[in-house]
Amino acid sequence: MKLQELDVIRLADGREGTIVNIQDDRRGRAFLIELDGVEFFDWPYVREADIAAVVWHAADKTAPPRTKTVLSA
């Protein structure tokens, strides 16, 4: 699958996030994922095998799907 920065993806564990950085190393590509409710320093790097689906490709140039926003009282 062709992944790039700003793609919205679904991880194998069901969480959705945005690819904000891509690094290459000896084992291949690693993707830094921005997740809602997770502090910047805790954003995970994942491998392509950890990504279940692409929800929206940045190359599509259309608005990404809206995610459910939970407001606390």
Protein backbone atom coordinates (compact mmCIF):
# COMPACT_ATOMS: atom_id res chain seq x y z
CA MET A 1 0.00 0.00 0.00
CA LYS A 2 1.31 3.47 -0.88
CA LEU A 3 1.32 5.55 2.30
CA GLN A 4 2.29 9.19 2.66
CA GLU A 5 2.23 11.95 5.25
CA LEU A 6 -1.25 13.20 6.20
CA ASP A 7 -2.98 9.95 5.22
CA VAL A 8 -5.65 8.97 7.75
CA ILE A 9 -5.24 5.31 8.68
CA ARG A 10 -6.84 2.64 10.88
CA LEU A 11 -4.45 0.57 12.96
CA ALA A 12 -4.86 -3.17 13.46
CA ASP A 13 -6.11 -2.48 17.02
CA GLY A 14 -8.96 -0.28 15.65
CA ARG A 15 -7.59 3.17 16.51
CA GLU A 16 -7.53 5.82 13.77
CA GLY A 17 -4.83 8.41 13.31
CA THR A 18 -2.89 10.56 10.87
CA ILE A 19 0.57 9.84 9.52
CA VAL A 20 2.67 12.88 10.43
CA ASN A 21 6.18 11.58 9.70
CA ILE A 22 7.81 8.72 7.79
CA GLN A 23 11.26 7.36 8.59
CA ASP A 24 13.27 4.72 6.72
CA ASP A 25 15.60 2.33 8.49
CA ARG A 26 17.13 -1.13 7.98
CA ARG A 27 13.77 -2.81 8.64
CA GLY A 28 11.80 -0.62 6.21
CA ARG A 29 9.50 2.30 6.81
CA ALA A 30 8.22 3.51 10.18
CA PHE A 31 5.22 5.85 10.40
CA LEU A 32 4.68 8.36 13.23
CA ILE A 33 0.94 8.39 13.97
CA GLU A 34 -0.96 11.27 15.58
CA LEU A 35 -3.73 9.81 17.73
CA ASP A 36 -6.60 11.70 19.38
CA GLY A 37 -6.24 11.90 23.13
CA VAL A 38 -2.57 10.91 23.07
CA GLU A 39 0.16 13.41 23.98
CA PHE A 40 2.73 14.23 21.28
CA PHE A 41 5.57 12.48 23.09
CA ASP A 42 3.49 9.28 23.25
CA TRP A 43 2.56 9.12 19.55
CA PRO A 44 3.64 5.71 18.27
CA TYR A 45 5.84 4.81 15.36
CA VAL A 46 4.26 1.82 13.60
CA ARG A 47 5.21 -0.43 10.70
CA GLU A 48 3.08 -0.99 7.61
CA ALA A 49 2.08 -4.40 9.01
CA ASP A 50 0.38 -2.57 11.94
CA ILE A 51 -1.87 -0.59 9.57
CA ALA A 52 -5.17 -2.32 8.75
CA ALA A 53 -6.59 0.21 6.28
CA VAL A 54 -6.26 3.65 4.78
CA VAL A 55 -9.36 5.67 5.65
CA TRP A 56 -8.36 8.66 3.52
CA HIS A 57 -5.40 9.36 1.21
CA ALA A 58 -3.93 12.85 1.33
CA ALA A 59 -3.44 12.61 -2.44
CA ASP A 60 -7.25 12.53 -2.89
CA LYS A 61 -7.37 16.29 -2.22
CA THR A 62 -10.88 16.05 -0.82
CA ALA A 63 -11.84 16.66 2.78
CA PRO A 64 -11.06 13.75 5.10
CA PRO A 65 -13.96 12.03 6.86
CA ARG A 66 -15.14 13.68 10.04
CA THR A 67 -14.37 11.78 13.19
CA LYS A 68 -16.66 11.58 16.17
CA THR A 69 -15.88 14.32 18.69
CA VAL A 70 -16.65 13.61 22.33
CA LEU A 71 -17.27 16.67 24.47
CA SER A 72 -16.97 16.35 28.21
CA ALA A 73 -19.30 18.26 30.50
